[in-house]
N, C-alpha and C. Protein backbone atom coordinates (compact mmCIF):
# COMPACT_ATOMS: atom_id res chain seq x y z
N UNK A 1 -17.42 -48.31 15.72
CA UNK A 1 -18.64 -47.74 16.26
C UNK A 1 -19.69 -47.54 15.18
N UNK A 2 -19.27 -47.08 14.00
CA UNK A 2 -20.21 -46.90 12.91
C UNK A 2 -20.81 -48.23 12.50
N UNK A 3 -19.99 -49.27 12.49
CA UNK A 3 -20.45 -50.60 12.14
C UNK A 3 -21.60 -51.03 13.06
N UNK A 4 -21.45 -50.84 14.35
CA UNK A 4 -22.48 -51.19 15.32
C UNK A 4 -23.72 -50.34 15.11
N UNK A 5 -23.54 -49.04 14.88
CA UNK A 5 -24.68 -48.17 14.67
C UNK A 5 -25.46 -48.55 13.42
N UNK A 6 -24.77 -48.89 12.35
CA UNK A 6 -25.43 -49.31 11.11
C UNK A 6 -26.24 -50.57 11.35
N UNK A 7 -25.65 -51.53 12.06
CA UNK A 7 -26.36 -52.77 12.37
C UNK A 7 -27.59 -52.49 13.23
N UNK A 8 -27.43 -51.61 14.20
CA UNK A 8 -28.54 -51.27 15.09
C UNK A 8 -29.66 -50.58 14.31
N UNK A 9 -29.30 -49.62 13.45
CA UNK A 9 -30.30 -48.93 12.64
C UNK A 9 -31.01 -49.92 11.73
N UNK A 10 -30.24 -50.83 11.14
CA UNK A 10 -30.84 -51.84 10.28
C UNK A 10 -31.81 -52.74 11.04
N UNK A 11 -31.40 -53.16 12.22
CA UNK A 11 -32.26 -54.02 13.03
C UNK A 11 -33.52 -53.27 13.45
N UNK A 12 -33.36 -52.01 13.82
CA UNK A 12 -34.53 -51.21 14.21
C UNK A 12 -35.47 -51.01 13.03
N UNK A 13 -34.90 -50.76 11.84
CA UNK A 13 -35.73 -50.59 10.66
C UNK A 13 -36.50 -51.86 10.35
N UNK A 14 -35.83 -53.00 10.45
CA UNK A 14 -36.49 -54.27 10.20
C UNK A 14 -37.59 -54.52 11.23
N UNK A 15 -37.29 -54.23 12.49
CA UNK A 15 -38.30 -54.40 13.54
C UNK A 15 -39.49 -53.48 13.30
N UNK A 16 -39.23 -52.26 12.88
CA UNK A 16 -40.32 -51.32 12.60
C UNK A 16 -41.19 -51.83 11.45
N UNK A 17 -40.55 -52.37 10.42
CA UNK A 17 -41.32 -52.91 9.29
C UNK A 17 -42.20 -54.07 9.74
N UNK A 18 -41.63 -54.94 10.55
CA UNK A 18 -42.41 -56.09 11.02
C UNK A 18 -43.57 -55.65 11.89
N UNK A 19 -43.30 -54.70 12.78
CA UNK A 19 -44.38 -54.21 13.63
C UNK A 19 -45.44 -53.49 12.83
N UNK A 20 -45.01 -52.71 11.85
CA UNK A 20 -45.97 -51.99 11.02
C UNK A 20 -46.84 -52.95 10.24
N UNK A 21 -46.30 -54.07 9.87
CA UNK A 21 -47.06 -55.05 9.10
C UNK A 21 -47.92 -55.93 9.99
N UNK A 22 -47.70 -55.87 11.26
CA UNK A 22 -48.41 -56.76 12.16
C UNK A 22 -49.71 -56.16 12.63
N UNK A 23 -49.94 -56.15 13.88
CA UNK A 23 -51.20 -55.83 14.49
C UNK A 23 -51.81 -54.49 14.08
N UNK A 24 -51.09 -53.36 14.12
CA UNK A 24 -51.75 -52.10 13.79
C UNK A 24 -52.33 -52.09 12.38
N UNK A 25 -51.82 -52.89 11.48
CA UNK A 25 -52.36 -52.92 10.13
C UNK A 25 -53.82 -53.36 10.11
N UNK A 26 -54.22 -54.10 11.11
CA UNK A 26 -55.59 -54.58 11.15
C UNK A 26 -56.59 -53.44 11.30
N UNK A 27 -56.18 -52.34 11.86
CA UNK A 27 -57.09 -51.23 12.08
C UNK A 27 -57.32 -50.39 10.83
N UNK A 28 -56.62 -50.68 9.76
CA UNK A 28 -56.75 -49.89 8.54
C UNK A 28 -58.08 -50.19 7.87
N UNK A 29 -58.67 -49.21 7.20
CA UNK A 29 -60.00 -49.38 6.65
C UNK A 29 -60.09 -50.19 5.36
N UNK A 30 -59.00 -50.37 4.60
CA UNK A 30 -59.09 -51.10 3.35
C UNK A 30 -58.09 -52.24 3.36
N UNK A 31 -58.47 -53.35 2.72
CA UNK A 31 -57.57 -54.50 2.75
C UNK A 31 -56.28 -54.24 2.01
N UNK A 32 -56.22 -53.26 1.11
CA UNK A 32 -54.96 -52.99 0.44
C UNK A 32 -53.93 -52.42 1.41
N UNK A 33 -54.38 -51.79 2.49
CA UNK A 33 -53.49 -51.12 3.41
C UNK A 33 -53.23 -51.91 4.67
N UNK A 34 -53.94 -52.97 4.89
CA UNK A 34 -53.68 -53.72 6.11
C UNK A 34 -54.68 -54.82 6.33
N UNK A 35 -54.30 -55.78 7.12
CA UNK A 35 -55.18 -56.87 7.43
C UNK A 35 -54.37 -58.06 7.89
N UNK A 36 -55.05 -59.11 8.25
CA UNK A 36 -54.33 -60.27 8.76
C UNK A 36 -53.72 -61.09 7.64
N UNK A 37 -52.73 -61.84 7.96
CA UNK A 37 -52.07 -62.68 6.97
C UNK A 37 -51.23 -63.73 7.65
N UNK A 38 -50.34 -64.30 6.91
CA UNK A 38 -49.56 -65.40 7.44
C UNK A 38 -48.10 -65.12 7.16
N UNK A 39 -47.35 -64.75 8.16
CA UNK A 39 -45.92 -64.56 7.96
C UNK A 39 -45.16 -65.52 8.84
N UNK A 40 -43.89 -65.63 8.60
CA UNK A 40 -43.05 -66.61 9.28
C UNK A 40 -43.12 -66.49 10.80
N UNK A 41 -43.20 -65.28 11.29
CA UNK A 41 -43.16 -65.07 12.74
C UNK A 41 -44.54 -64.90 13.34
N UNK A 42 -45.60 -65.19 12.59
CA UNK A 42 -46.94 -65.01 13.12
C UNK A 42 -47.45 -63.60 12.89
N UNK A 43 -46.64 -62.75 12.29
CA UNK A 43 -47.07 -61.40 11.98
C UNK A 43 -48.06 -61.40 10.84
N UNK A 44 -48.57 -60.26 10.53
CA UNK A 44 -49.62 -60.17 9.54
C UNK A 44 -49.10 -59.56 8.25
N UNK A 45 -49.42 -60.18 7.10
CA UNK A 45 -48.96 -59.70 5.81
C UNK A 45 -50.00 -59.92 4.72
N UNK A 46 -51.26 -59.88 5.06
CA UNK A 46 -52.31 -60.22 4.11
C UNK A 46 -52.48 -59.24 2.95
N UNK A 47 -52.24 -57.96 3.10
CA UNK A 47 -52.49 -57.05 1.97
C UNK A 47 -51.78 -57.48 0.69
N UNK A 48 -50.52 -57.81 0.78
CA UNK A 48 -49.78 -58.23 -0.40
C UNK A 48 -50.30 -59.57 -0.91
N UNK A 49 -50.65 -60.46 -0.01
CA UNK A 49 -51.15 -61.77 -0.41
C UNK A 49 -52.51 -61.65 -1.09
N UNK A 50 -53.34 -60.76 -0.60
CA UNK A 50 -54.65 -60.54 -1.24
C UNK A 50 -54.45 -59.95 -2.63
N UNK A 51 -53.55 -58.99 -2.72
CA UNK A 51 -53.28 -58.38 -4.02
C UNK A 51 -52.80 -59.44 -5.02
N UNK A 52 -51.97 -60.36 -4.56
CA UNK A 52 -51.44 -61.42 -5.42
C UNK A 52 -52.55 -62.37 -5.87
N UNK A 53 -53.60 -62.49 -5.07
CA UNK A 53 -54.69 -63.41 -5.40
C UNK A 53 -55.57 -62.89 -6.52
N UNK A 54 -55.48 -61.61 -6.87
CA UNK A 54 -56.30 -61.02 -7.93
C UNK A 54 -57.78 -61.29 -7.70
N UNK A 55 -58.32 -60.68 -6.66
CA UNK A 55 -59.72 -60.88 -6.31
C UNK A 55 -60.66 -60.39 -7.40
N UNK A 56 -61.76 -61.09 -7.52
CA UNK A 56 -62.84 -60.62 -8.39
C UNK A 56 -63.54 -59.48 -7.65
N UNK A 57 -64.34 -58.68 -8.33
CA UNK A 57 -65.08 -57.62 -7.63
C UNK A 57 -65.96 -58.17 -6.50
N UNK A 58 -66.57 -59.32 -6.73
CA UNK A 58 -67.42 -59.93 -5.70
C UNK A 58 -66.58 -60.33 -4.48
N UNK A 59 -65.44 -60.94 -4.73
CA UNK A 59 -64.54 -61.33 -3.64
C UNK A 59 -64.02 -60.09 -2.90
N UNK A 60 -63.69 -59.07 -3.65
CA UNK A 60 -63.21 -57.83 -3.05
C UNK A 60 -64.26 -57.27 -2.09
N UNK A 61 -65.51 -57.27 -2.51
CA UNK A 61 -66.59 -56.78 -1.66
C UNK A 61 -66.72 -57.63 -0.39
N UNK A 62 -66.59 -58.93 -0.54
CA UNK A 62 -66.68 -59.82 0.62
C UNK A 62 -65.53 -59.57 1.60
N UNK A 63 -64.31 -59.41 1.07
CA UNK A 63 -63.16 -59.15 1.94
C UNK A 63 -63.33 -57.81 2.65
N UNK A 64 -63.79 -56.82 1.92
CA UNK A 64 -64.03 -55.51 2.55
C UNK A 64 -65.06 -55.63 3.68
N UNK A 65 -66.09 -56.42 3.45
CA UNK A 65 -67.12 -56.61 4.48
C UNK A 65 -66.55 -57.33 5.70
N UNK A 66 -65.72 -58.33 5.47
CA UNK A 66 -65.09 -59.05 6.58
C UNK A 66 -64.27 -58.08 7.43
N UNK A 67 -63.43 -57.29 6.76
CA UNK A 67 -62.59 -56.33 7.48
C UNK A 67 -63.43 -55.28 8.19
N UNK A 68 -64.49 -54.82 7.54
CA UNK A 68 -65.37 -53.82 8.17
C UNK A 68 -66.03 -54.39 9.41
N UNK A 69 -66.42 -55.67 9.35
CA UNK A 69 -67.08 -56.30 10.49
C UNK A 69 -66.15 -56.40 11.71
N UNK A 70 -64.87 -56.47 11.48
CA UNK A 70 -63.92 -56.63 12.58
C UNK A 70 -63.23 -55.31 12.97
N UNK A 71 -63.41 -54.28 12.18
CA UNK A 71 -62.64 -53.05 12.34
C UNK A 71 -62.80 -52.39 13.71
N UNK A 72 -64.01 -52.22 14.20
CA UNK A 72 -64.22 -51.50 15.46
C UNK A 72 -63.55 -52.21 16.63
N UNK A 73 -63.73 -53.51 16.71
CA UNK A 73 -63.13 -54.27 17.81
C UNK A 73 -61.61 -54.21 17.72
N UNK A 74 -61.09 -54.37 16.52
CA UNK A 74 -59.65 -54.37 16.33
C UNK A 74 -59.06 -53.01 16.70
N UNK A 75 -59.68 -51.95 16.24
CA UNK A 75 -59.18 -50.60 16.57
C UNK A 75 -59.19 -50.37 18.07
N UNK A 76 -60.26 -50.80 18.72
CA UNK A 76 -60.37 -50.63 20.16
C UNK A 76 -59.25 -51.39 20.88
N UNK A 77 -59.00 -52.61 20.47
CA UNK A 77 -57.95 -53.42 21.09
C UNK A 77 -56.58 -52.81 20.84
N UNK A 78 -56.34 -52.34 19.61
CA UNK A 78 -55.06 -51.71 19.28
C UNK A 78 -54.86 -50.46 20.14
N UNK A 79 -55.90 -49.68 20.31
CA UNK A 79 -55.79 -48.47 21.13
C UNK A 79 -55.52 -48.83 22.60
N UNK A 80 -56.19 -49.84 23.12
CA UNK A 80 -55.91 -50.29 24.49
C UNK A 80 -54.46 -50.74 24.63
N UNK A 81 -53.97 -51.45 23.63
CA UNK A 81 -52.58 -51.92 23.65
C UNK A 81 -51.62 -50.73 23.64
N UNK A 82 -51.88 -49.76 22.81
CA UNK A 82 -51.01 -48.57 22.77
C UNK A 82 -51.00 -47.84 24.11
N UNK A 83 -52.18 -47.70 24.71
CA UNK A 83 -52.24 -47.03 26.02
C UNK A 83 -51.47 -47.81 27.08
N UNK A 84 -51.62 -49.12 27.09
CA UNK A 84 -50.92 -49.95 28.07
C UNK A 84 -49.41 -49.89 27.85
N UNK A 85 -48.98 -49.90 26.61
CA UNK A 85 -47.55 -49.81 26.32
C UNK A 85 -47.00 -48.44 26.70
N UNK A 86 -47.78 -47.40 26.47
CA UNK A 86 -47.36 -46.06 26.90
C UNK A 86 -47.26 -45.98 28.42
N UNK A 87 -48.22 -46.58 29.09
CA UNK A 87 -48.18 -46.59 30.56
C UNK A 87 -46.97 -47.35 31.08
N UNK A 88 -46.64 -48.45 30.43
CA UNK A 88 -45.46 -49.21 30.80
C UNK A 88 -44.19 -48.37 30.60
N UNK A 89 -44.10 -47.71 29.47
CA UNK A 89 -42.94 -46.86 29.20
C UNK A 89 -42.84 -45.74 30.24
N UNK A 90 -43.98 -45.14 30.59
CA UNK A 90 -43.98 -44.09 31.60
C UNK A 90 -43.47 -44.60 32.93
N UNK A 91 -43.91 -45.80 33.33
CA UNK A 91 -43.44 -46.37 34.60
C UNK A 91 -41.95 -46.65 34.55
N UNK A 92 -41.47 -47.18 33.43
CA UNK A 92 -40.06 -47.52 33.32
C UNK A 92 -39.17 -46.28 33.32
N UNK A 93 -39.68 -45.17 32.83
CA UNK A 93 -38.90 -43.95 32.72
C UNK A 93 -39.14 -42.96 33.85
N UNK A 94 -40.03 -43.31 34.77
CA UNK A 94 -40.34 -42.42 35.89
C UNK A 94 -39.17 -42.39 36.89
N UNK A 95 -39.12 -41.32 37.64
CA UNK A 95 -38.10 -41.23 38.68
C UNK A 95 -38.43 -42.20 39.80
N UNK A 96 -37.41 -42.61 40.47
CA UNK A 96 -37.60 -43.50 41.61
C UNK A 96 -37.48 -44.96 41.22
N UNK A 97 -37.49 -45.80 42.24
CA UNK A 97 -37.33 -47.23 41.99
C UNK A 97 -38.56 -47.85 41.34
N UNK A 98 -38.31 -48.85 40.52
CA UNK A 98 -39.39 -49.62 39.89
C UNK A 98 -39.00 -51.09 40.00
N UNK A 99 -39.90 -51.86 40.55
CA UNK A 99 -39.66 -53.30 40.71
C UNK A 99 -40.46 -54.06 39.66
N UNK A 100 -40.04 -55.28 39.43
CA UNK A 100 -40.75 -56.13 38.47
C UNK A 100 -42.22 -56.29 38.87
N UNK A 101 -42.48 -56.35 40.14
CA UNK A 101 -43.86 -56.50 40.62
C UNK A 101 -44.72 -55.30 40.24
N UNK A 102 -44.08 -54.13 40.13
CA UNK A 102 -44.81 -52.93 39.72
C UNK A 102 -45.27 -53.02 38.27
N UNK A 103 -44.52 -53.76 37.47
CA UNK A 103 -44.81 -53.86 36.04
C UNK A 103 -45.72 -55.04 35.69
N UNK A 104 -45.79 -56.00 36.56
CA UNK A 104 -46.49 -57.26 36.28
C UNK A 104 -47.93 -57.06 35.78
N UNK A 105 -48.76 -56.23 36.43
CA UNK A 105 -50.13 -56.07 35.92
C UNK A 105 -50.17 -55.53 34.49
N UNK A 106 -49.31 -54.57 34.20
CA UNK A 106 -49.27 -54.02 32.84
C UNK A 106 -48.76 -55.04 31.84
N UNK A 107 -47.75 -55.80 32.23
CA UNK A 107 -47.22 -56.83 31.33
C UNK A 107 -48.29 -57.87 31.02
N UNK A 108 -49.07 -58.25 32.02
CA UNK A 108 -50.15 -59.22 31.80
C UNK A 108 -51.22 -58.63 30.88
N UNK A 109 -51.54 -57.36 31.09
CA UNK A 109 -52.54 -56.70 30.25
C UNK A 109 -52.05 -56.64 28.80
N UNK A 110 -50.80 -56.26 28.60
CA UNK A 110 -50.22 -56.18 27.26
C UNK A 110 -50.22 -57.55 26.59
N UNK A 111 -49.81 -58.56 27.34
CA UNK A 111 -49.80 -59.92 26.79
C UNK A 111 -51.21 -60.36 26.40
N UNK A 112 -52.18 -60.05 27.23
CA UNK A 112 -53.57 -60.43 26.95
C UNK A 112 -54.09 -59.72 25.70
N UNK A 113 -53.79 -58.44 25.58
CA UNK A 113 -54.24 -57.69 24.40
C UNK A 113 -53.56 -58.19 23.13
N UNK A 114 -52.29 -58.53 23.22
CA UNK A 114 -51.60 -59.09 22.04
C UNK A 114 -52.20 -60.43 21.66
N UNK A 115 -52.50 -61.25 22.65
CA UNK A 115 -53.14 -62.55 22.38
C UNK A 115 -54.50 -62.35 21.72
N UNK A 116 -55.26 -61.37 22.23
CA UNK A 116 -56.56 -61.09 21.65
C UNK A 116 -56.42 -60.66 20.19
N UNK A 117 -55.46 -59.80 19.91
CA UNK A 117 -55.23 -59.37 18.53
C UNK A 117 -54.81 -60.54 17.64
N UNK A 118 -54.00 -61.41 18.17
CA UNK A 118 -53.58 -62.59 17.41
C UNK A 118 -54.77 -63.48 17.09
N UNK A 119 -55.63 -63.71 18.08
CA UNK A 119 -56.82 -64.53 17.87
C UNK A 119 -57.75 -63.87 16.84
N UNK A 120 -57.96 -62.56 16.98
CA UNK A 120 -58.81 -61.83 16.04
C UNK A 120 -58.22 -61.90 14.63
N UNK A 121 -56.92 -61.76 14.53
CA UNK A 121 -56.24 -61.81 13.24
C UNK A 121 -56.42 -63.17 12.58
N UNK A 122 -56.29 -64.21 13.37
CA UNK A 122 -56.47 -65.56 12.84
C UNK A 122 -57.90 -65.75 12.35
N UNK A 123 -58.87 -65.23 13.09
CA UNK A 123 -60.27 -65.36 12.67
C UNK A 123 -60.51 -64.61 11.36
N UNK A 124 -59.99 -63.41 11.26
CA UNK A 124 -60.14 -62.63 10.03
C UNK A 124 -59.48 -63.37 8.87
N UNK A 125 -58.28 -63.87 9.10
CA UNK A 125 -57.55 -64.59 8.04
C UNK A 125 -58.35 -65.81 7.58
N UNK A 126 -58.96 -66.53 8.51
CA UNK A 126 -59.77 -67.69 8.13
C UNK A 126 -60.98 -67.27 7.29
N UNK A 127 -61.60 -66.17 7.68
CA UNK A 127 -62.75 -65.69 6.92
C UNK A 127 -62.34 -65.25 5.52
N UNK A 128 -61.23 -64.53 5.41
CA UNK A 128 -60.75 -64.10 4.10
C UNK A 128 -60.34 -65.31 3.27
N UNK A 129 -59.67 -66.26 3.89
CA UNK A 129 -59.24 -67.47 3.19
C UNK A 129 -60.44 -68.19 2.59
N UNK A 130 -61.57 -68.18 3.30
CA UNK A 130 -62.78 -68.82 2.82
C UNK A 130 -63.35 -68.20 1.55
N UNK A 131 -62.93 -66.99 1.25
CA UNK A 131 -63.40 -66.30 0.05
C UNK A 131 -62.57 -66.69 -1.18
N UNK A 132 -61.35 -67.12 -0.96
CA UNK A 132 -60.42 -67.38 -2.05
C UNK A 132 -60.61 -68.76 -2.67
N UNK A 133 -60.31 -68.84 -3.95
CA UNK A 133 -60.34 -70.13 -4.66
C UNK A 133 -59.02 -70.86 -4.39
N UNK A 134 -58.96 -72.16 -4.66
CA UNK A 134 -57.69 -72.88 -4.50
C UNK A 134 -56.56 -72.27 -5.33
N UNK A 135 -56.87 -71.80 -6.53
CA UNK A 135 -55.84 -71.18 -7.38
C UNK A 135 -55.32 -69.89 -6.76
N UNK A 136 -56.22 -69.10 -6.19
CA UNK A 136 -55.81 -67.85 -5.54
C UNK A 136 -54.97 -68.13 -4.31
N UNK A 137 -55.34 -69.16 -3.56
CA UNK A 137 -54.54 -69.54 -2.40
C UNK A 137 -53.14 -69.97 -2.83
N UNK A 138 -53.07 -70.69 -3.93
CA UNK A 138 -51.76 -71.13 -4.44
C UNK A 138 -50.91 -69.93 -4.84
N UNK A 139 -51.52 -68.95 -5.52
CA UNK A 139 -50.77 -67.74 -5.91
C UNK A 139 -50.30 -66.99 -4.67
N UNK A 140 -51.17 -66.87 -3.69
CA UNK A 140 -50.79 -66.19 -2.45
C UNK A 140 -49.66 -66.94 -1.75
N UNK A 141 -49.70 -68.27 -1.80
CA UNK A 141 -48.63 -69.07 -1.22
C UNK A 141 -47.30 -68.85 -1.92
N UNK A 142 -47.35 -68.70 -3.23
CA UNK A 142 -46.13 -68.42 -3.98
C UNK A 142 -45.55 -67.06 -3.60
N UNK A 143 -46.41 -66.07 -3.46
CA UNK A 143 -45.94 -64.73 -3.06
C UNK A 143 -45.37 -64.79 -1.65
N UNK A 144 -46.01 -65.53 -0.78
CA UNK A 144 -45.50 -65.68 0.59
C UNK A 144 -44.11 -66.29 0.58
N UNK A 145 -43.91 -67.31 -0.25
CA UNK A 145 -42.59 -67.94 -0.35
C UNK A 145 -41.55 -66.93 -0.83
N UNK A 146 -41.92 -66.13 -1.79
CA UNK A 146 -40.99 -65.10 -2.29
C UNK A 146 -40.69 -64.08 -1.20
N UNK A 147 -41.71 -63.70 -0.43
CA UNK A 147 -41.52 -62.74 0.66
C UNK A 147 -40.55 -63.32 1.70
N UNK A 148 -40.70 -64.59 2.02
CA UNK A 148 -39.81 -65.23 2.99
C UNK A 148 -38.38 -65.25 2.46
N UNK A 149 -38.24 -65.54 1.18
CA UNK A 149 -36.91 -65.55 0.59
C UNK A 149 -36.27 -64.17 0.65
N UNK A 150 -37.04 -63.14 0.32
CA UNK A 150 -36.53 -61.77 0.39
C UNK A 150 -36.17 -61.39 1.83
N UNK A 151 -36.99 -61.79 2.77
CA UNK A 151 -36.72 -61.52 4.18
C UNK A 151 -35.40 -62.17 4.58
N UNK A 152 -35.21 -63.41 4.15
CA UNK A 152 -33.97 -64.12 4.46
C UNK A 152 -32.77 -63.42 3.84
N UNK A 153 -32.91 -62.97 2.60
CA UNK A 153 -31.82 -62.26 1.94
C UNK A 153 -31.49 -60.95 2.66
N UNK A 154 -32.54 -60.23 3.08
CA UNK A 154 -32.31 -59.00 3.84
C UNK A 154 -31.58 -59.28 5.15
N UNK A 155 -31.99 -60.32 5.82
CA UNK A 155 -31.35 -60.70 7.07
C UNK A 155 -29.88 -61.03 6.84
N UNK A 156 -29.58 -61.73 5.77
CA UNK A 156 -28.19 -62.05 5.45
C UNK A 156 -27.39 -60.78 5.17
N UNK A 157 -28.00 -59.82 4.48
CA UNK A 157 -27.31 -58.55 4.21
C UNK A 157 -26.98 -57.82 5.51
N UNK A 158 -27.92 -57.80 6.43
CA UNK A 158 -27.68 -57.13 7.72
C UNK A 158 -26.60 -57.83 8.51
N UNK A 159 -26.52 -59.14 8.42
CA UNK A 159 -25.53 -59.91 9.15
C UNK A 159 -24.13 -59.75 8.56
N UNK A 160 -24.02 -59.40 7.29
CA UNK A 160 -22.72 -59.24 6.64
C UNK A 160 -22.00 -58.00 7.11
N UNK A 161 -22.70 -57.03 7.58
CA UNK A 161 -22.08 -55.75 7.97
C UNK A 161 -21.32 -55.86 9.24
């Protein structure tokens, strides 16, 4: 039983890390704390990649402006997504019967909001990418490769238990 609980806690921790690095990070005010990026699963991991690129002060200002330009829309979408997910949880945990048809409108809304966040994230990532030099992109690519390797190693550790 402990073995299963440890695996479950590990999986939940990993899921929490991935979620924390994904969409909600876009609502953060500074690129060091969040933003779009390129991870294996389509999640967002740009803060570390930007840090690895060693931006010049001019580039840093441009990246901050890009994130500031997208911040209000992203925050609004993230908040709508949170409300829809809370509403879904409330319906699932409410007393009485619940049919799949009862959930369908919320599921469609959640899917649409996630798609919107993904599209917005890709646009932000393209804009940030346009600020970087080829050398900075190469450094960010190297860091991404290392991150993927570490992720794989973590996954192997969780599977060994």
